[in-house]
Amino acid sequence: MRPSVYISRSIAREAVGIIAASCDYRIWNNDQPVPAKILEEEIKKSDGVLTTLSDQVNVAFITGAPNLKIISNMAAGFDNIDIGAATAKGVMVTNTPGILTNTTADLAFALFLAASRRLVEAENFLRSGQWQAWEPLLLTGRDIYGATLGIIGLGQIGSAVARRAKGFDMNIIYCNRKRNHQTEAELGATYASLSELLSTSDIVSIHCPLTAETRGLISYGELALMKPAAVLVNTARGGIVDEGALYEALLHRRIFAAGLDVFSQEPLPLAHPLLKLPNVVLLPHIGSASIATRTKMAIMAASDLVSGLTGKIPLHLVNPEVVREYPTEKS
């Protein structure tokens, strides 16, 4: 009997084809995320499920699925899945790391420029008919070239951002759980404490994962350390930044601007106070949203899903301890 699979969102046709070749599948073909109750019922009937970062797969979903063998998450992160519950039940969990590195780094740099040079404010100014003449001080922003960039989390994406920064002759400092000696040597990056990074950087860019330790990492005290001319950019996870504290800092011009692609609640509610501020660029979580990257992510997720359902070890296991016997080669 072919494995039964549920796909929680519309994905690239190439990825669906990979699944269809080995499995029977059902798919949620809708622009909106699958409702939690439907997702729970579908997981109960499935041997495997392909999820996205908007799907919250909790302990009840996992323990209530008697045949579930693998959750393949089409995202670099996996904080939307209860990894502990999956591991306890022997369910494999995979993600899609690496593929989105350069695409997300590109977007982070776009936010550096957009927030620092006030691009959204400028476009709105033009579109609303307010532009009457060239003025020496009209919509002046902050320079990127030669600025000091502070990177919180110098993993793959943080390092890719640092490489782009060298092209702008930026001074790079970073904080990380462990020192990244390779990037220090390659790019001349300097290791610093979080407080030192915040107090000396012209742009602070967040690239660490969302964990118990990093939730609320940037709040009132941390924002108070930043320069009044500084810009904060977050393309990692929304929960890392205290949005209430950021709103206050931006409202009272304690920092110059911010650029956000991620939020603690997604989609961002229309009543959210950040939407009222001119000095913040807000994007709908499009860090990996290039056609090529999203297609590659879907293919990776589909391939790992099929591997886990056909007796092979997926290449991108988040919890490898669930596999008791390793074959000589991975799939």
Protein backbone atom coordinates (compact mmCIF):
# COMPACT_ATOMS: atom_id res chain seq x y z
CA MET A 1 0.00 0.00 0.00
CA ARG A 2 1.30 3.46 -0.91
CA PRO A 3 1.92 5.89 1.97
CA SER A 4 -0.72 8.53 2.63
CA VAL A 5 0.51 12.14 2.59
CA TYR A 6 -1.05 15.50 3.36
CA ILE A 7 0.38 18.69 1.84
CA SER A 8 -0.73 21.73 3.82
CA ARG A 9 -0.31 24.39 1.07
CA SER A 10 -0.02 24.74 -2.68
CA ILE A 11 3.61 24.13 -3.63
CA ALA A 12 5.67 23.88 -6.82
CA ARG A 13 4.41 21.30 -9.31
CA GLU A 14 7.83 19.65 -9.42
CA ALA A 15 7.59 18.89 -5.69
CA VAL A 16 4.06 17.53 -5.96
CA GLY A 17 5.29 15.26 -8.74
CA ILE A 18 7.98 13.82 -6.48
CA ILE A 19 5.37 12.96 -3.86
CA ALA A 20 2.83 11.64 -6.38
CA ALA A 21 5.36 9.17 -7.78
CA SER A 22 5.53 7.26 -4.47
CA CYS A 23 2.56 8.31 -2.34
CA ASP A 24 -1.15 9.00 -2.35
CA TYR A 25 -1.63 12.62 -1.37
CA ARG A 26 -4.20 15.21 -0.45
CA ILE A 27 -3.45 18.94 -0.68
CA TRP A 28 -4.89 22.15 0.72
CA ASN A 29 -5.26 24.30 -2.40
CA ASN A 30 -6.09 27.62 -0.81
CA ASP A 31 -4.34 30.98 -0.45
CA GLN A 32 -5.02 30.98 3.29
CA PRO A 33 -3.38 28.57 5.78
CA VAL A 34 -5.22 25.37 6.47
CA PRO A 35 -7.41 25.75 9.60
CA ALA A 36 -5.93 24.04 12.64
CA LYS A 37 -8.87 21.66 13.03
CA ILE A 38 -8.60 20.47 9.43
CA LEU A 39 -4.84 20.09 9.73
CA GLU A 40 -5.27 18.00 12.87
CA GLU A 41 -7.81 15.72 11.17
CA GLU A 42 -5.64 15.32 8.09
CA ILE A 43 -2.55 14.46 10.13
CA LYS A 44 -4.54 11.75 11.90
CA LYS A 45 -5.09 10.05 8.54
CA SER A 46 -1.54 10.47 7.25
CA ASP A 47 1.75 8.62 7.24
CA GLY A 48 3.54 11.85 6.37
CA VAL A 49 2.79 15.55 6.18
CA LEU A 50 4.45 18.43 4.37
CA THR A 51 3.99 21.59 6.42
CA THR A 52 4.96 25.25 6.15
CA LEU A 53 6.03 27.71 8.82
CA SER A 54 2.43 28.94 9.26
CA ASP A 55 1.27 25.47 10.40
CA GLN A 56 1.45 24.93 14.14
CA VAL A 57 1.93 21.22 14.78
CA ASN A 58 1.55 20.69 18.51
CA VAL A 59 1.74 17.70 20.81
CA ALA A 60 -1.98 16.88 20.41
CA PHE A 61 -1.66 16.73 16.63
CA ILE A 62 1.36 14.43 16.86
CA THR A 63 0.15 12.06 19.55
CA GLY A 64 -3.27 11.82 17.89
CA ALA A 65 -1.80 10.55 14.62
CA PRO A 66 -1.28 6.78 14.93
CA ASN A 67 0.50 6.27 11.61
CA LEU A 68 2.54 9.47 11.39
CA LYS A 69 6.17 8.78 10.51
CA ILE A 70 7.50 12.12 9.24
CA ILE A 71 6.79 15.86 9.24
CA SER A 72 8.64 17.64 6.46
CA ASN A 73 8.68 21.36 7.17
CA MET A 74 9.17 23.65 4.17
CA ALA A 75 11.14 26.25 6.13
CA ALA A 76 14.63 26.79 7.44
CA GLY A 77 13.26 27.01 10.97
CA PHE A 78 11.09 24.51 12.80
CA ASP A 79 9.79 26.39 15.84
CA ASN A 80 6.23 25.75 14.55
CA ILE A 81 6.60 22.04 15.37
CA ASP A 82 6.79 20.42 18.79
CA ILE A 83 10.11 18.64 18.21
CA GLY A 84 10.08 17.05 21.67
CA ALA A 85 6.68 15.46 21.09
CA ALA A 86 7.69 14.24 17.64
CA THR A 87 10.92 12.73 18.93
CA ALA A 88 9.14 11.04 21.85
CA LYS A 89 6.74 9.41 19.38
CA GLY A 90 9.50 8.44 16.95
CA VAL A 91 8.33 10.86 14.25
CA MET A 92 11.04 12.26 11.99
CA VAL A 93 11.08 16.02 11.43
CA THR A 94 12.93 17.65 8.55
CA ASN A 95 13.48 21.24 7.42
CA THR A 96 14.90 23.00 4.35
CA PRO A 97 18.17 24.63 5.42
CA GLY A 98 20.74 26.33 3.24
CA ILE A 99 18.64 26.84 0.12
CA LEU A 100 17.18 30.16 1.22
CA THR A 101 20.45 31.61 2.57
CA ASN A 102 21.32 33.96 -0.27
CA THR A 103 17.74 34.96 -1.04
CA THR A 104 17.12 35.92 2.58
CA ALA A 105 20.46 37.73 2.80
CA ASP A 106 19.47 39.74 -0.27
CA LEU A 107 16.23 40.78 1.41
CA ALA A 108 18.00 41.75 4.63
CA PHE A 109 20.25 44.04 2.63
CA ALA A 110 17.24 45.46 0.81
CA LEU A 111 15.79 46.35 4.21
CA PHE A 112 19.07 48.00 5.24
CA LEU A 113 18.74 50.29 2.25
CA ALA A 114 14.98 50.81 2.41
CA ALA A 115 14.92 51.71 6.10
CA SER A 116 18.13 53.75 6.13
CA ARG A 117 17.33 55.73 2.97
CA ARG A 118 13.60 56.06 3.77
CA LEU A 119 12.54 54.53 0.48
CA VAL A 120 8.97 53.67 1.47
CA GLU A 121 8.43 57.14 2.94
CA ALA A 122 9.82 58.65 -0.24
CA GLU A 123 7.60 56.62 -2.55
CA ASN A 124 4.49 57.43 -0.49
CA PHE A 125 5.49 61.10 -0.54
CA LEU A 126 5.68 61.05 -4.33
CA ARG A 127 2.52 58.99 -4.91
CA SER A 128 0.46 61.24 -2.62
CA GLY A 129 1.35 64.33 -4.65
CA GLN A 130 3.40 66.01 -1.92
CA TRP A 131 6.55 66.36 -4.04
CA GLN A 132 6.57 69.97 -5.22
CA ALA A 133 10.28 70.70 -5.65
CA TRP A 134 13.76 69.39 -4.95
CA GLU A 135 14.86 70.37 -1.44
CA PRO A 136 18.30 70.03 0.17
CA LEU A 137 16.93 68.36 3.30
CA LEU A 138 13.99 66.46 1.80
CA LEU A 139 13.78 62.86 3.12
CA THR A 140 17.45 62.69 4.05
CA GLY A 141 18.46 59.30 5.41
CA ARG A 142 21.50 57.41 6.65
CA ASP A 143 24.44 56.13 4.61
CA ILE A 144 25.08 52.40 4.28
CA TYR A 145 28.53 52.60 2.73
CA GLY A 146 31.21 52.58 5.42
CA ALA A 147 28.71 52.09 8.26
CA THR A 148 29.15 49.63 11.15
CA LEU A 149 26.99 46.52 10.80
CA GLY A 150 26.17 44.45 13.87
CA ILE A 151 25.02 40.91 13.09
CA ILE A 152 23.22 38.92 15.78
CA GLY A 153 23.74 35.28 14.80
CA LEU A 154 26.58 34.62 12.37
CA GLY A 155 25.31 31.38 10.87
CA GLN A 156 24.78 30.77 7.17
CA ILE A 157 22.47 33.72 6.56
CA GLY A 158 24.35 36.07 8.87
CA SER A 159 27.61 35.20 7.12
CA ALA A 160 26.00 35.76 3.71
CA VAL A 161 24.88 39.21 4.88
CA ALA A 162 28.42 39.92 6.08
CA ARG A 163 29.84 39.05 2.66
CA ARG A 164 27.45 41.51 1.03
CA ALA A 165 28.42 44.13 3.57
CA LYS A 166 32.07 43.94 2.52
CA GLY A 167 31.04 45.25 -0.89
CA PHE A 168 29.78 48.36 0.90
CA ASP A 169 33.01 48.64 2.88
CA MET A 170 31.09 48.14 6.13
CA ASN A 171 32.75 47.46 9.45
CA ILE A 172 31.34 44.11 10.64
CA ILE A 173 30.87 43.11 14.26
CA TYR A 174 28.87 40.14 15.46
CA CYS A 175 27.68 38.19 18.45
CA ASN A 176 26.99 34.48 18.38
CA ARG A 177 26.80 31.50 20.73
CA LYS A 178 30.22 30.49 19.44
CA ARG A 179 32.92 32.51 17.75
CA ASN A 180 33.01 32.07 13.98
CA HIS A 181 36.74 32.12 13.36
CA GLN A 182 36.35 31.31 9.66
CA THR A 183 34.22 34.38 8.97
CA GLU A 184 36.43 36.52 11.18
CA ALA A 185 39.41 35.56 9.04
CA GLU A 186 37.56 35.79 5.73
CA LEU A 187 35.77 39.11 6.28
CA GLY A 188 37.56 40.78 9.15
CA ALA A 189 34.50 40.49 11.39
CA THR A 190 34.96 41.30 15.07
CA TYR A 191 33.36 39.31 17.88
CA ALA A 192 31.50 41.37 20.49
CA SER A 193 29.05 41.03 23.33
CA LEU A 194 25.40 41.85 22.59
CA SER A 195 25.56 45.09 24.57
CA GLU A 196 28.73 46.20 22.78
CA LEU A 197 27.23 45.35 19.40
CA LEU A 198 24.04 47.28 20.09
CA SER A 199 25.82 50.37 21.36
CA THR A 200 28.32 50.64 18.48
CA SER A 201 26.38 49.51 15.38
CA ASP A 202 24.78 51.80 12.81
CA ILE A 203 22.68 48.87 11.57
CA VAL A 204 21.72 45.85 13.67
CA SER A 205 20.62 42.79 11.71
CA ILE A 206 19.07 39.76 13.42
CA HIS A 207 19.80 36.25 12.12
CA CYS A 208 19.58 33.97 15.17
CA PRO A 209 16.94 31.24 15.60
CA LEU A 210 13.92 31.70 17.86
CA THR A 211 14.53 29.70 21.04
CA ALA A 212 13.63 30.06 24.69
CA GLU A 213 16.86 32.04 25.13
CA THR A 214 16.31 34.40 22.19
CA ARG A 215 12.59 35.09 22.62
CA GLY A 216 12.31 38.78 23.51
CA LEU A 217 16.08 39.18 23.11
CA ILE A 218 15.65 42.75 21.85
CA SER A 219 13.43 44.68 24.24
CA TYR A 220 13.39 48.03 26.05
CA GLY A 221 16.83 47.73 27.62
CA GLU A 222 18.53 46.54 24.46
CA LEU A 223 16.91 49.21 22.28
CA ALA A 224 18.00 51.85 24.78
CA LEU A 225 21.61 50.86 24.09
CA MET A 226 21.32 51.60 20.38
CA LYS A 227 22.38 54.85 18.75
CA PRO A 228 19.60 57.36 17.96
CA ALA A 229 20.77 57.15 14.33
CA ALA A 230 20.73 53.33 14.24
CA VAL A 231 18.52 51.02 12.19
CA LEU A 232 17.20 47.62 13.37
CA VAL A 233 16.44 44.91 10.80
CA ASN A 234 14.85 41.52 11.54
CA THR A 235 14.51 38.79 8.92
CA ALA A 236 14.80 35.88 11.39
CA ARG A 237 11.74 35.35 13.60
CA GLY A 238 9.31 37.89 15.01
CA GLY A 239 9.40 36.74 18.62
CA ILE A 240 13.04 37.75 18.95
CA VAL A 241 12.04 41.43 19.02
CA ASP A 242 9.63 42.88 21.59
CA GLU A 243 7.35 44.74 19.18
CA GLY A 244 5.87 46.94 21.91
CA ALA A 245 9.34 48.10 22.91
CA LEU A 246 10.27 48.66 19.26
CA TYR A 247 7.14 50.74 18.69
CA GLU A 248 8.05 53.00 21.60
CA ALA A 249 11.64 53.36 20.38
CA LEU A 250 10.54 54.28 16.87
CA LEU A 251 7.70 56.55 18.00
CA HIS A 252 9.98 58.62 20.23
CA ARG A 253 12.87 58.48 17.70
CA ARG A 254 15.17 56.68 20.11
CA ILE A 255 16.35 54.82 17.03
CA PHE A 256 16.20 56.08 13.47
CA ALA A 257 14.26 53.32 11.71
CA ALA A 258 13.53 49.61 11.45
CA GLY A 259 12.89 47.02 8.75
CA LEU A 260 10.88 43.91 9.60
CA ASP A 261 9.99 40.86 7.53
CA VAL A 262 8.80 38.78 10.49
CA PHE A 263 6.40 39.35 13.38
CA SER A 264 5.29 37.68 16.58
CA GLN A 265 1.82 37.30 15.06
CA GLU A 266 1.52 36.59 11.35
CA PRO A 267 -0.18 37.96 9.38
CA LEU A 268 0.35 41.30 11.12
CA PRO A 269 -3.03 42.58 12.42
CA LEU A 270 -4.21 45.72 10.66
CA ALA A 271 -4.64 47.39 14.04
CA HIS A 272 -1.00 46.84 14.98
CA PRO A 273 0.58 50.12 16.14
CA LEU A 274 3.71 49.61 14.00
CA LEU A 275 1.56 50.20 10.91
CA LYS A 276 0.98 53.79 12.03
CA LEU A 277 4.66 54.71 11.99
CA PRO A 278 6.48 56.16 8.97
CA ASN A 279 9.97 55.07 10.05
CA VAL A 280 9.52 51.32 9.77
CA VAL A 281 9.47 49.17 6.62
CA LEU A 282 7.11 46.20 7.02
CA LEU A 283 7.10 43.17 4.72
CA PRO A 284 4.86 40.04 4.71
CA HIS A 285 7.54 37.41 5.51
CA ILE A 286 9.03 37.25 2.02
CA GLY A 287 12.65 36.52 2.97
CA SER A 288 12.84 33.38 0.82
CA ALA A 289 10.29 34.52 -1.76
CA SER A 290 12.08 34.12 -5.04
CA ILE A 291 10.66 31.70 -7.59
CA ALA A 292 13.86 29.65 -7.71
CA THR A 293 14.30 29.42 -3.96
CA ARG A 294 10.71 28.53 -3.11
CA THR A 295 10.77 25.83 -5.80
CA LYS A 296 14.01 24.37 -4.43
CA MET A 297 12.60 24.45 -0.88
CA ALA A 298 9.49 22.55 -1.97
CA ILE A 299 11.56 19.94 -3.83
CA MET A 300 13.81 19.45 -0.81
CA ALA A 301 10.83 19.06 1.52
CA ALA A 302 9.12 16.63 -0.86
CA SER A 303 12.28 14.55 -1.35
CA ASP A 304 12.88 14.23 2.39
CA LEU A 305 9.23 13.33 2.93
CA VAL A 306 9.35 10.52 0.39
CA SER A 307 12.69 9.29 1.77
CA GLY A 308 11.24 9.02 5.27
CA LEU A 309 8.24 7.06 3.97
CA THR A 310 10.23 4.65 1.81
CA GLY A 311 12.74 3.34 4.31
CA LYS A 312 15.51 5.86 3.76
CA ILE A 313 16.96 8.46 6.10
CA PRO A 314 16.08 11.99 4.98
CA LEU A 315 19.03 14.27 4.37
CA HIS A 316 17.83 17.09 6.59
CA LEU A 317 16.67 15.47 9.82
CA VAL A 318 16.13 17.87 12.70
CA ASN A 319 15.88 15.00 15.20
CA PRO A 320 18.22 12.23 13.98
CA GLU A 321 17.93 10.46 17.33
CA VAL A 322 14.60 8.97 16.18
CA VAL A 323 16.44 6.80 13.67
CA ARG A 324 17.68 3.71 15.48
CA GLU A 325 19.62 2.06 12.65
CA TYR A 326 21.50 4.08 10.08
CA PRO A 327 22.15 2.62 6.63
CA THR A 328 25.56 3.13 5.08
CA GLU A 329 24.34 6.04 3.00
CA LYS A 330 21.68 8.64 3.40
CA SER A 331 19.06 9.11 0.68
